[in-house]
Amino acid sequence: MNVGIILASYDSGHYHGGFGQGPDAIIAGGLADELALHGHEATVKDIGEVVGAAEQAREISAGFAVCNAVAGEVADVVRSGRFPVVLAGNCLTAAGAVAGEKADSVAWFDQHADLNTPETTLTGFLDGMALSTLLGLCWRPLAAAIPDFRAIEPIRAMLIGARSIDPAERTLLAQQPVINVQCSEAAGKAARLLEAGAARTHLHIDLDVIDPDELQVNRYAESGGPSPDKLCETVLGLARLLPVVGVSLTAYDPIVDPSGDVPPVVGRLLVNLLGALEGRTAIQ
């Protein structure tokens, strides 16, 4: 499969800071070579310092400027017939990927629900509102300015592996038809996305969904998540069932991974995902 890898090396508005170092570390860890070893041809494009982000250096404006840049790069990858893979620091960047792919549904792996809004957040952390933004529940004018962005209906969203959910997020989950499952339940609920009309599904993987007792990806990860193997198994199960059109991976901080254990896991995950998607295409 031909793959277009896009690097968005930002964390909370800061270029190459914190989680923003993760994309480069994954590439340096041999991702393109791993894909090539399994027959996948990959190009790598770094969005670099984004006009609007560098000048304003504020988390909200910079975050959406990055989304705008990513949307254009992803759209170029899709037009060229390649499968888009976005490596980013922040989860909000998935809004740019969704726009570029014209995705109408999302499978969202994350230890956090990311369903706060400016009215409910207790921290003000923009990434804690990332899924809410995708679902059109907050930051609507800024999201609407992302080229080709269309909010995803909550009924076509699946939240997978969340174990750190704020009270206000639990209230929202009770009010909205978002499918909230753990990894062991995800494949069994995939049909609900298809029944809701999912035709182009974005796969988002915040790597802190992984149990830090198995693999430490950042300093915020809490115990109780899936192992890397279980995550891979769940992703493959969904890839065989859903019309996945792109993937974003976020929240890796190489500072907490001095031995470089995370990049090979990402490589194996993507190799297996691409293999599953190729198999699905062959069957169809």
C-alpha atoms as a PDB file:
ATOM      1  CA  MET A   1       0.000   0.000   0.000  1.00  0.00           C
ATOM      2  CA  ASN A   2       1.197   3.540  -0.747  1.00  0.00           C
ATOM      3  CA  VAL A   3       1.257   5.618   2.424  1.00  0.00           C
ATOM      4  CA  GLY A   4       1.627   9.341   3.023  1.00  0.00           C
ATOM      5  CA  ILE A   5       2.987  10.116   6.506  1.00  0.00           C
ATOM      6  CA  ILE A   6       2.408  13.664   7.755  1.00  0.00           C
ATOM      7  CA  LEU A   7       4.284  15.053  10.757  1.00  0.00           C
ATOM      8  CA  ALA A   8       2.624  17.724  12.901  1.00  0.00           C
ATOM      9  CA  SER A   9       5.225  18.308  15.608  1.00  0.00           C
ATOM     10  CA  TYR A  10       3.251  20.548  17.957  1.00  0.00           C
ATOM     11  CA  ASP A  11       2.233  20.277  21.592  1.00  0.00           C
ATOM     12  CA  SER A  12      -0.092  22.900  23.072  1.00  0.00           C
ATOM     13  CA  GLY A  13       0.949  25.461  20.483  1.00  0.00           C
ATOM     14  CA  HIS A  14       4.677  24.838  20.842  1.00  0.00           C
ATOM     15  CA  TYR A  15       6.687  23.494  17.916  1.00  0.00           C
ATOM     16  CA  HIS A  16       8.848  20.480  18.833  1.00  0.00           C
ATOM     17  CA  GLY A  17       8.012  20.865  22.506  1.00  0.00           C
ATOM     18  CA  GLY A  18       6.865  17.995  24.745  1.00  0.00           C
ATOM     19  CA  PHE A  19       4.686  15.601  22.753  1.00  0.00           C
ATOM     20  CA  GLY A  20       5.716  17.596  19.685  1.00  0.00           C
ATOM     21  CA  GLN A  21       8.969  15.635  19.733  1.00  0.00           C
ATOM     22  CA  GLY A  22       7.083  12.373  19.272  1.00  0.00           C
ATOM     23  CA  PRO A  23       6.569  12.417  15.479  1.00  0.00           C
ATOM     24  CA  ASP A  24      10.270  12.861  14.735  1.00  0.00           C
ATOM     25  CA  ALA A  25      11.174  10.172  17.274  1.00  0.00           C
ATOM     26  CA  ILE A  26       8.807   7.686  15.628  1.00  0.00           C
ATOM     27  CA  ILE A  27      10.328   8.387  12.215  1.00  0.00           C
ATOM     28  CA  ALA A  28      13.870   8.198  13.614  1.00  0.00           C
ATOM     29  CA  GLY A  29      12.872   4.870  15.162  1.00  0.00           C
ATOM     30  CA  GLY A  30      12.583   3.391  11.672  1.00  0.00           C
ATOM     31  CA  LEU A  31       8.891   3.631  10.764  1.00  0.00           C
ATOM     32  CA  ALA A  32       9.391   4.160   7.024  1.00  0.00           C
ATOM     33  CA  ASP A  33      11.911   1.316   6.870  1.00  0.00           C
ATOM     34  CA  GLU A  34       9.547  -0.984   8.765  1.00  0.00           C
ATOM     35  CA  LEU A  35       6.745  -0.215   6.333  1.00  0.00           C
ATOM     36  CA  ALA A  36       9.054  -0.763   3.350  1.00  0.00           C
ATOM     37  CA  LEU A  37      10.168  -4.108   4.781  1.00  0.00           C
ATOM     38  CA  HIS A  38       6.545  -5.247   4.563  1.00  0.00           C
ATOM     39  CA  GLY A  39       5.964  -3.966   1.044  1.00  0.00           C
ATOM     40  CA  HIS A  40       4.484  -0.540   1.794  1.00  0.00           C
ATOM     41  CA  GLU A  41       5.890   2.541   0.066  1.00  0.00           C
ATOM     42  CA  ALA A  42       5.854   5.574   2.363  1.00  0.00           C
ATOM     43  CA  THR A  43       6.519   9.255   1.780  1.00  0.00           C
ATOM     44  CA  VAL A  44       7.094  11.583   4.740  1.00  0.00           C
ATOM     45  CA  LYS A  45       6.037  15.247   4.808  1.00  0.00           C
ATOM     46  CA  ASP A  46       6.666  17.535   7.782  1.00  0.00           C
ATOM     47  CA  ILE A  47       4.295  20.511   7.993  1.00  0.00           C
ATOM     48  CA  GLY A  48       7.095  22.403   9.773  1.00  0.00           C
ATOM     49  CA  GLU A  49       6.401  25.643  11.594  1.00  0.00           C
ATOM     50  CA  VAL A  50       2.931  26.758  10.629  1.00  0.00           C
ATOM     51  CA  VAL A  51       2.173  30.352   9.674  1.00  0.00           C
ATOM     52  CA  GLY A  52      -0.246  31.633  12.291  1.00  0.00           C
ATOM     53  CA  ALA A  53       0.947  29.211  14.953  1.00  0.00           C
ATOM     54  CA  ALA A  54       4.444  30.626  15.307  1.00  0.00           C
ATOM     55  CA  GLU A  55       3.293  34.246  15.245  1.00  0.00           C
ATOM     56  CA  GLN A  56       0.538  33.902  17.815  1.00  0.00           C
ATOM     57  CA  ALA A  57       2.016  31.145  19.993  1.00  0.00           C
ATOM     58  CA  ARG A  58      -1.278  30.646  21.815  1.00  0.00           C
ATOM     59  CA  GLU A  59      -2.594  27.140  22.303  1.00  0.00           C
ATOM     60  CA  ILE A  60      -6.026  27.640  20.758  1.00  0.00           C
ATOM     61  CA  SER A  61      -5.051  29.693  17.703  1.00  0.00           C
ATOM     62  CA  ALA A  62      -1.921  27.611  17.108  1.00  0.00           C
ATOM     63  CA  GLY A  63      -3.822  24.344  17.508  1.00  0.00           C
ATOM     64  CA  PHE A  64      -6.345  25.263  14.837  1.00  0.00           C
ATOM     65  CA  ALA A  65      -3.638  26.679  12.540  1.00  0.00           C
ATOM     66  CA  VAL A  66      -1.978  23.256  12.712  1.00  0.00           C
ATOM     67  CA  CYS A  67      -5.326  21.604  11.898  1.00  0.00           C
ATOM     68  CA  ASN A  68      -5.657  23.835   8.830  1.00  0.00           C
ATOM     69  CA  ALA A  69      -2.193  22.854   7.598  1.00  0.00           C
ATOM     70  CA  VAL A  70      -2.776  19.154   8.236  1.00  0.00           C
ATOM     71  CA  ALA A  71      -6.116  19.228   6.406  1.00  0.00           C
ATOM     72  CA  GLY A  72      -4.395  20.450   3.242  1.00  0.00           C
ATOM     73  CA  GLU A  73      -1.595  17.886   3.444  1.00  0.00           C
ATOM     74  CA  VAL A  74      -3.998  15.016   4.095  1.00  0.00           C
ATOM     75  CA  ALA A  75      -6.188  16.076   1.189  1.00  0.00           C
ATOM     76  CA  ASP A  76      -3.113  16.009  -1.072  1.00  0.00           C
ATOM     77  CA  VAL A  77      -2.249  12.503   0.132  1.00  0.00           C
ATOM     78  CA  VAL A  78      -5.793  11.286  -0.513  1.00  0.00           C
ATOM     79  CA  ARG A  79      -5.888  12.837  -3.988  1.00  0.00           C
ATOM     80  CA  SER A  80      -2.652  11.027  -4.853  1.00  0.00           C
ATOM     81  CA  GLY A  81      -4.221   7.691  -3.959  1.00  0.00           C
ATOM     82  CA  ARG A  82      -2.153   7.172  -0.815  1.00  0.00           C
ATOM     83  CA  PHE A  83      -3.341   6.238   2.681  1.00  0.00           C
ATOM     84  CA  PRO A  84      -2.837   9.129   5.146  1.00  0.00           C
ATOM     85  CA  VAL A  85      -1.044   8.609   8.464  1.00  0.00           C
ATOM     86  CA  VAL A  86      -0.763  11.676  10.710  1.00  0.00           C
ATOM     87  CA  LEU A  87       1.815  11.651  13.495  1.00  0.00           C
ATOM     88  CA  ALA A  88       1.050  14.526  15.853  1.00  0.00           C
ATOM     89  CA  GLY A  89       1.645  15.775  19.353  1.00  0.00           C
ATOM     90  CA  ASN A  90      -1.953  16.735  20.088  1.00  0.00           C
ATOM     91  CA  CYS A  91      -5.285  14.977  19.641  1.00  0.00           C
ATOM     92  CA  LEU A  92      -6.975  18.103  18.266  1.00  0.00           C
ATOM     93  CA  THR A  93      -4.885  17.641  15.102  1.00  0.00           C
ATOM     94  CA  ALA A  94      -7.258  14.798  14.214  1.00  0.00           C
ATOM     95  CA  ALA A  95      -9.758  17.495  13.183  1.00  0.00           C
ATOM     96  CA  GLY A  96      -7.435  18.396  10.318  1.00  0.00           C
ATOM     97  CA  ALA A  97      -7.075  14.743   9.329  1.00  0.00           C
ATOM     98  CA  VAL A  98     -10.844  14.222   9.410  1.00  0.00           C
ATOM     99  CA  ALA A  99     -11.318  17.279   7.190  1.00  0.00           C
ATOM    100  CA  GLY A 100      -8.677  16.211   4.672  1.00  0.00           C
ATOM    101  CA  GLU A 101     -10.118  12.699   4.473  1.00  0.00           C
ATOM    102  CA  LYS A 102     -13.731  13.931   4.385  1.00  0.00           C
ATOM    103  CA  ALA A 103     -14.382  11.378   7.111  1.00  0.00           C
ATOM    104  CA  ASP A 104     -17.936  11.006   8.370  1.00  0.00           C
ATOM    105  CA  SER A 105     -17.224   8.780  11.384  1.00  0.00           C
ATOM    106  CA  VAL A 106     -14.509   8.191  13.942  1.00  0.00           C
ATOM    107  CA  ALA A 107     -13.119   5.417  16.140  1.00  0.00           C
ATOM    108  CA  TRP A 108     -11.316   7.260  18.957  1.00  0.00           C
ATOM    109  CA  PHE A 109      -8.813   5.331  21.114  1.00  0.00           C
ATOM    110  CA  ASP A 110      -7.844   7.339  24.202  1.00  0.00           C
ATOM    111  CA  GLN A 111      -7.509   6.902  27.944  1.00  0.00           C
ATOM    112  CA  HIS A 112      -9.336  10.247  28.232  1.00  0.00           C
ATOM    113  CA  ALA A 113     -12.770  10.983  26.799  1.00  0.00           C
ATOM    114  CA  ASP A 114     -11.678  14.353  25.319  1.00  0.00           C
ATOM    115  CA  LEU A 115     -15.317  15.411  25.588  1.00  0.00           C
ATOM    116  CA  ASN A 116     -15.006  18.555  27.678  1.00  0.00           C
ATOM    117  CA  THR A 117     -16.037  21.954  26.343  1.00  0.00           C
ATOM    118  CA  PRO A 118     -14.962  25.461  27.374  1.00  0.00           C
ATOM    119  CA  GLU A 119     -17.962  25.460  29.722  1.00  0.00           C
ATOM    120  CA  THR A 120     -17.082  22.168  31.461  1.00  0.00           C
ATOM    121  CA  THR A 121     -13.288  21.939  31.431  1.00  0.00           C
ATOM    122  CA  LEU A 122     -11.564  22.199  34.801  1.00  0.00           C
ATOM    123  CA  THR A 123      -8.074  22.568  33.295  1.00  0.00           C
ATOM    124  CA  GLY A 124      -8.547  24.619  30.132  1.00  0.00           C
ATOM    125  CA  PHE A 125      -6.534  22.008  28.219  1.00  0.00           C
ATOM    126  CA  LEU A 126      -7.541  22.218  24.556  1.00  0.00           C
ATOM    127  CA  ASP A 127      -6.820  18.551  23.850  1.00  0.00           C
ATOM    128  CA  GLY A 128      -9.393  17.636  26.488  1.00  0.00           C
ATOM    129  CA  MET A 129     -11.954  19.088  24.053  1.00  0.00           C
ATOM    130  CA  ALA A 130     -10.636  17.361  20.920  1.00  0.00           C
ATOM    131  CA  LEU A 131     -13.408  14.816  20.404  1.00  0.00           C
ATOM    132  CA  SER A 132     -16.045  17.398  21.332  1.00  0.00           C
ATOM    133  CA  THR A 133     -14.635  19.607  18.594  1.00  0.00           C
ATOM    134  CA  LEU A 134     -14.876  16.796  16.029  1.00  0.00           C
ATOM    135  CA  LEU A 135     -18.493  16.223  17.052  1.00  0.00           C
ATOM    136  CA  GLY A 136     -19.422  19.886  16.651  1.00  0.00           C
ATOM    137  CA  LEU A 137     -20.039  20.413  20.369  1.00  0.00           C
ATOM    138  CA  CYS A 138     -17.555  23.284  20.833  1.00  0.00           C
ATOM    139  CA  TRP A 139     -15.156  25.635  19.004  1.00  0.00           C
ATOM    140  CA  ARG A 140     -17.533  25.607  16.031  1.00  0.00           C
ATOM    141  CA  PRO A 141     -16.335  28.781  14.235  1.00  0.00           C
ATOM    142  CA  LEU A 142     -12.660  27.771  14.456  1.00  0.00           C
ATOM    143  CA  ALA A 143     -13.418  24.206  13.362  1.00  0.00           C
ATOM    144  CA  ALA A 144     -15.585  25.426  10.497  1.00  0.00           C
ATOM    145  CA  ALA A 145     -12.597  27.421   9.206  1.00  0.00           C
ATOM    146  CA  ILE A 146     -10.599  24.194   8.677  1.00  0.00           C
ATOM    147  CA  PRO A 147     -10.814  23.469   4.919  1.00  0.00           C
ATOM    148  CA  ASP A 148     -13.571  20.902   4.217  1.00  0.00           C
ATOM    149  CA  PHE A 149     -14.260  20.237   7.900  1.00  0.00           C
ATOM    150  CA  ARG A 150     -17.673  18.788   8.632  1.00  0.00           C
ATOM    151  CA  ALA A 151     -18.604  17.875  12.188  1.00  0.00           C
ATOM    152  CA  ILE A 152     -19.189  14.171  12.784  1.00  0.00           C
ATOM    153  CA  GLU A 153     -22.575  13.185  14.152  1.00  0.00           C
ATOM    154  CA  PRO A 154     -22.165  11.758  17.683  1.00  0.00           C
ATOM    155  CA  ILE A 155     -24.046   8.611  16.604  1.00  0.00           C
ATOM    156  CA  ARG A 156     -21.137   7.887  14.229  1.00  0.00           C
ATOM    157  CA  ALA A 157     -18.452   8.123  16.930  1.00  0.00           C
ATOM    158  CA  MET A 158     -16.954   5.318  18.997  1.00  0.00           C
ATOM    159  CA  LEU A 159     -14.847   6.102  22.081  1.00  0.00           C
ATOM    160  CA  ILE A 160     -12.585   3.177  22.923  1.00  0.00           C
ATOM    161  CA  GLY A 161     -10.543   2.491  26.031  1.00  0.00           C
ATOM    162  CA  ALA A 162     -11.426   5.615  28.014  1.00  0.00           C
ATOM    163  CA  ARG A 163     -10.782   5.176  31.736  1.00  0.00           C
ATOM    164  CA  SER A 164     -10.189   8.756  32.890  1.00  0.00           C
ATOM    165  CA  ILE A 165     -13.541  10.474  32.356  1.00  0.00           C
ATOM    166  CA  ASP A 166     -14.584  13.703  34.075  1.00  0.00           C
ATOM    167  CA  PRO A 167     -18.082  13.971  35.616  1.00  0.00           C
ATOM    168  CA  ALA A 168     -19.215  16.461  32.967  1.00  0.00           C
ATOM    169  CA  GLU A 169     -17.991  14.098  30.255  1.00  0.00           C
ATOM    170  CA  ARG A 170     -19.989  11.258  31.789  1.00  0.00           C
ATOM    171  CA  THR A 171     -23.057  13.486  31.691  1.00  0.00           C
ATOM    172  CA  LEU A 172     -22.454  14.237  28.030  1.00  0.00           C
ATOM    173  CA  LEU A 173     -21.962  10.543  27.239  1.00  0.00           C
ATOM    174  CA  ALA A 174     -25.318   9.864  28.884  1.00  0.00           C
ATOM    175  CA  GLN A 175     -26.943  12.529  26.714  1.00  0.00           C
ATOM    176  CA  GLN A 176     -25.264  11.794  23.372  1.00  0.00           C
ATOM    177  CA  PRO A 177     -25.318   8.566  21.334  1.00  0.00           C
ATOM    178  CA  VAL A 178     -21.518   8.197  21.302  1.00  0.00           C
ATOM    179  CA  ILE A 179     -20.585   4.500  21.547  1.00  0.00           C
ATOM    180  CA  ASN A 180     -18.431   4.189  24.683  1.00  0.00           C
ATOM    181  CA  VAL A 181     -16.638   0.822  24.904  1.00  0.00           C
ATOM    182  CA  GLN A 182     -13.487  -0.882  26.076  1.00  0.00           C
ATOM    183  CA  CYS A 183     -11.226  -2.695  23.640  1.00  0.00           C
ATOM    184  CA  SER A 184     -12.830  -6.077  24.253  1.00  0.00           C
ATOM    185  CA  GLU A 185     -16.236  -4.696  23.158  1.00  0.00           C
ATOM    186  CA  ALA A 186     -15.221  -2.569  20.175  1.00  0.00           C
ATOM    187  CA  ALA A 187     -15.525  -5.072  17.309  1.00  0.00           C
ATOM    188  CA  GLY A 188     -18.921  -6.181  18.557  1.00  0.00           C
ATOM    189  CA  LYS A 189     -20.217  -2.601  18.431  1.00  0.00           C
ATOM    190  CA  ALA A 190     -18.756  -1.684  15.017  1.00  0.00           C
ATOM    191  CA  ALA A 191     -22.020  -2.561  13.287  1.00  0.00           C
ATOM    192  CA  ARG A 192     -23.683   0.333  15.089  1.00  0.00           C
ATOM    193  CA  LEU A 193     -21.415   2.783  13.251  1.00  0.00           C
ATOM    194  CA  LEU A 194     -22.267   1.186   9.924  1.00  0.00           C
ATOM    195  CA  GLU A 195     -25.981   1.231  10.744  1.00  0.00           C
ATOM    196  CA  ALA A 196     -25.631   4.951  11.496  1.00  0.00           C
ATOM    197  CA  GLY A 197     -24.262   5.516   7.992  1.00  0.00           C
ATOM    198  CA  ALA A 198     -20.485   5.428   8.503  1.00  0.00           C
ATOM    199  CA  ALA A 199     -18.871   5.354   5.047  1.00  0.00           C
ATOM    200  CA  ARG A 200     -15.482   6.970   5.724  1.00  0.00           C
ATOM    201  CA  THR A 201     -14.044   6.280   9.173  1.00  0.00           C
ATOM    202  CA  HIS A 202     -11.080   8.052  10.725  1.00  0.00           C
ATOM    203  CA  LEU A 203      -9.082   5.973  13.198  1.00  0.00           C
ATOM    204  CA  HIS A 204      -7.535   8.037  15.996  1.00  0.00           C
ATOM    205  CA  ILE A 205      -5.075   6.487  18.437  1.00  0.00           C
ATOM    206  CA  ASP A 206      -3.858   8.465  21.427  1.00  0.00           C
ATOM    207  CA  LEU A 207      -1.030   6.195  22.483  1.00  0.00           C
ATOM    208  CA  ASP A 208      -1.697   6.798  26.182  1.00  0.00           C
ATOM    209  CA  VAL A 209      -4.636   4.422  25.808  1.00  0.00           C
ATOM    210  CA  ILE A 210      -1.946   1.749  26.378  1.00  0.00           C
ATOM    211  CA  ASP A 211      -1.439   0.590  29.959  1.00  0.00           C
ATOM    212  CA  PRO A 212       1.753   2.334  31.197  1.00  0.00           C
ATOM    213  CA  ASP A 213       2.626  -0.806  33.139  1.00  0.00           C
ATOM    214  CA  GLU A 214       3.044  -2.409  29.698  1.00  0.00           C
ATOM    215  CA  LEU A 215       4.504   0.542  27.768  1.00  0.00           C
ATOM    216  CA  GLN A 216       5.081   4.105  28.974  1.00  0.00           C
ATOM    217  CA  VAL A 217       4.239   6.655  26.256  1.00  0.00           C
ATOM    218  CA  ASN A 218       3.885   9.829  28.336  1.00  0.00           C
ATOM    219  CA  ARG A 219       3.793  10.963  31.937  1.00  0.00           C
ATOM    220  CA  TYR A 220      -0.004  11.286  32.046  1.00  0.00           C
ATOM    221  CA  ALA A 221      -0.886   7.675  31.243  1.00  0.00           C
ATOM    222  CA  GLU A 222      -2.765   5.827  33.991  1.00  0.00           C
ATOM    223  CA  SER A 223      -2.935   2.102  34.680  1.00  0.00           C
ATOM    224  CA  GLY A 224      -5.780  -0.020  33.393  1.00  0.00           C
ATOM    225  CA  GLY A 225      -5.505   0.201  29.614  1.00  0.00           C
ATOM    226  CA  PRO A 226      -4.837  -2.470  27.009  1.00  0.00           C
ATOM    227  CA  SER A 227      -1.457  -3.983  26.309  1.00  0.00           C
ATOM    228  CA  PRO A 228       0.163  -3.089  22.967  1.00  0.00           C
ATOM    229  CA  ASP A 229      -0.885  -6.516  21.639  1.00  0.00           C
ATOM    230  CA  LYS A 230      -4.488  -5.998  22.752  1.00  0.00           C
ATOM    231  CA  LEU A 231      -4.561  -2.551  21.165  1.00  0.00           C
ATOM    232  CA  CYS A 232      -3.251  -4.012  17.911  1.00  0.00           C
ATOM    233  CA  GLU A 233      -5.833  -6.802  18.013  1.00  0.00           C
ATOM    234  CA  THR A 234      -8.646  -4.285  18.536  1.00  0.00           C
ATOM    235  CA  VAL A 235      -7.429  -1.966  15.772  1.00  0.00           C
ATOM    236  CA  LEU A 236      -7.219  -4.910  13.356  1.00  0.00           C
ATOM    237  CA  GLY A 237     -10.708  -6.040  14.276  1.00  0.00           C
ATOM    238  CA  LEU A 238     -12.134  -2.613  13.485  1.00  0.00           C
ATOM    239  CA  ALA A 239     -10.078  -2.284  10.274  1.00  0.00           C
ATOM    240  CA  ARG A 240     -11.657  -5.493   8.998  1.00  0.00           C
ATOM    241  CA  LEU A 241     -15.149  -4.178   9.712  1.00  0.00           C
ATOM    242  CA  LEU A 242     -15.095  -0.416   9.155  1.00  0.00           C
ATOM    243  CA  PRO A 243     -14.295   1.708   6.066  1.00  0.00           C
ATOM    244  CA  VAL A 244     -11.100   3.203   7.530  1.00  0.00           C
ATOM    245  CA  VAL A 245      -9.744   6.037   5.361  1.00  0.00           C
ATOM    246  CA  GLY A 246      -6.935   7.368   7.546  1.00  0.00           C
ATOM    247  CA  VAL A 247      -5.258   7.249  10.929  1.00  0.00           C
ATOM    248  CA  SER A 248      -3.770   9.697  13.422  1.00  0.00           C
ATOM    249  CA  LEU A 249      -1.405   8.770  16.259  1.00  0.00           C
ATOM    250  CA  THR A 250      -0.649  11.208  19.066  1.00  0.00           C
ATOM    251  CA  ALA A 251       0.689  11.905  22.555  1.00  0.00           C
ATOM    252  CA  TYR A 252       4.072  10.157  22.492  1.00  0.00           C
ATOM    253  CA  ASP A 253       6.707  11.903  24.597  1.00  0.00           C
ATOM    254  CA  PRO A 254      10.147  10.356  23.943  1.00  0.00           C
ATOM    255  CA  ILE A 255      11.456  11.881  27.172  1.00  0.00           C
ATOM    256  CA  VAL A 256       9.735   9.085  29.126  1.00  0.00           C
ATOM    257  CA  ASP A 257      10.978   6.409  26.722  1.00  0.00           C
ATOM    258  CA  PRO A 258      14.795   6.606  26.825  1.00  0.00           C
ATOM    259  CA  SER A 259      15.173   3.053  25.500  1.00  0.00           C
ATOM    260  CA  GLY A 260      13.022   3.804  22.433  1.00  0.00           C
ATOM    261  CA  ASP A 261      10.444   1.082  23.017  1.00  0.00           C
ATOM    262  CA  VAL A 262       7.484   2.966  21.557  1.00  0.00           C
ATOM    263  CA  PRO A 263       8.475   3.487  17.870  1.00  0.00           C
ATOM    264  CA  PRO A 264       8.745  -0.266  17.120  1.00  0.00           C
ATOM    265  CA  VAL A 265       5.284  -0.769  18.631  1.00  0.00           C
ATOM    266  CA  VAL A 266       3.896   1.976  16.397  1.00  0.00           C
ATOM    267  CA  GLY A 267       5.616   0.342  13.413  1.00  0.00           C
ATOM    268  CA  ARG A 268       4.084  -3.065  14.130  1.00  0.00           C
ATOM    269  CA  LEU A 269       0.670  -1.516  14.702  1.00  0.00           C
ATOM    270  CA  LEU A 270       0.705   0.307  11.366  1.00  0.00           C
ATOM    271  CA  VAL A 271       2.106  -2.672   9.456  1.00  0.00           C
ATOM    272  CA  ASN A 272      -0.704  -4.844  10.762  1.00  0.00           C
ATOM    273  CA  LEU A 273      -3.328  -2.165  10.155  1.00  0.00           C
ATOM    274  CA  LEU A 274      -2.240  -1.701   6.536  1.00  0.00           C
ATOM    275  CA  GLY A 275      -2.206  -5.451   6.030  1.00  0.00           C
ATOM    276  CA  ALA A 276      -5.762  -5.698   7.333  1.00  0.00           C
ATOM    277  CA  LEU A 277      -6.910  -2.876   5.063  1.00  0.00           C
ATOM    278  CA  GLU A 278      -5.264  -4.521   2.039  1.00  0.00           C
ATOM    279  CA  GLY A 279      -6.990  -7.798   2.886  1.00  0.00           C
ATOM    280  CA  ARG A 280     -10.333  -6.045   3.168  1.00  0.00           C
ATOM    281  CA  THR A 281      -9.816  -4.372  -0.218  1.00  0.00           C
ATOM    282  CA  ALA A 282      -8.897  -7.697  -1.815  1.00  0.00           C
ATOM    283  CA  ILE A 283     -12.023  -9.354  -0.412  1.00  0.00           C
ATOM    284  CA  GLN A 284     -14.259  -6.541  -1.620  1.00  0.00           C
END
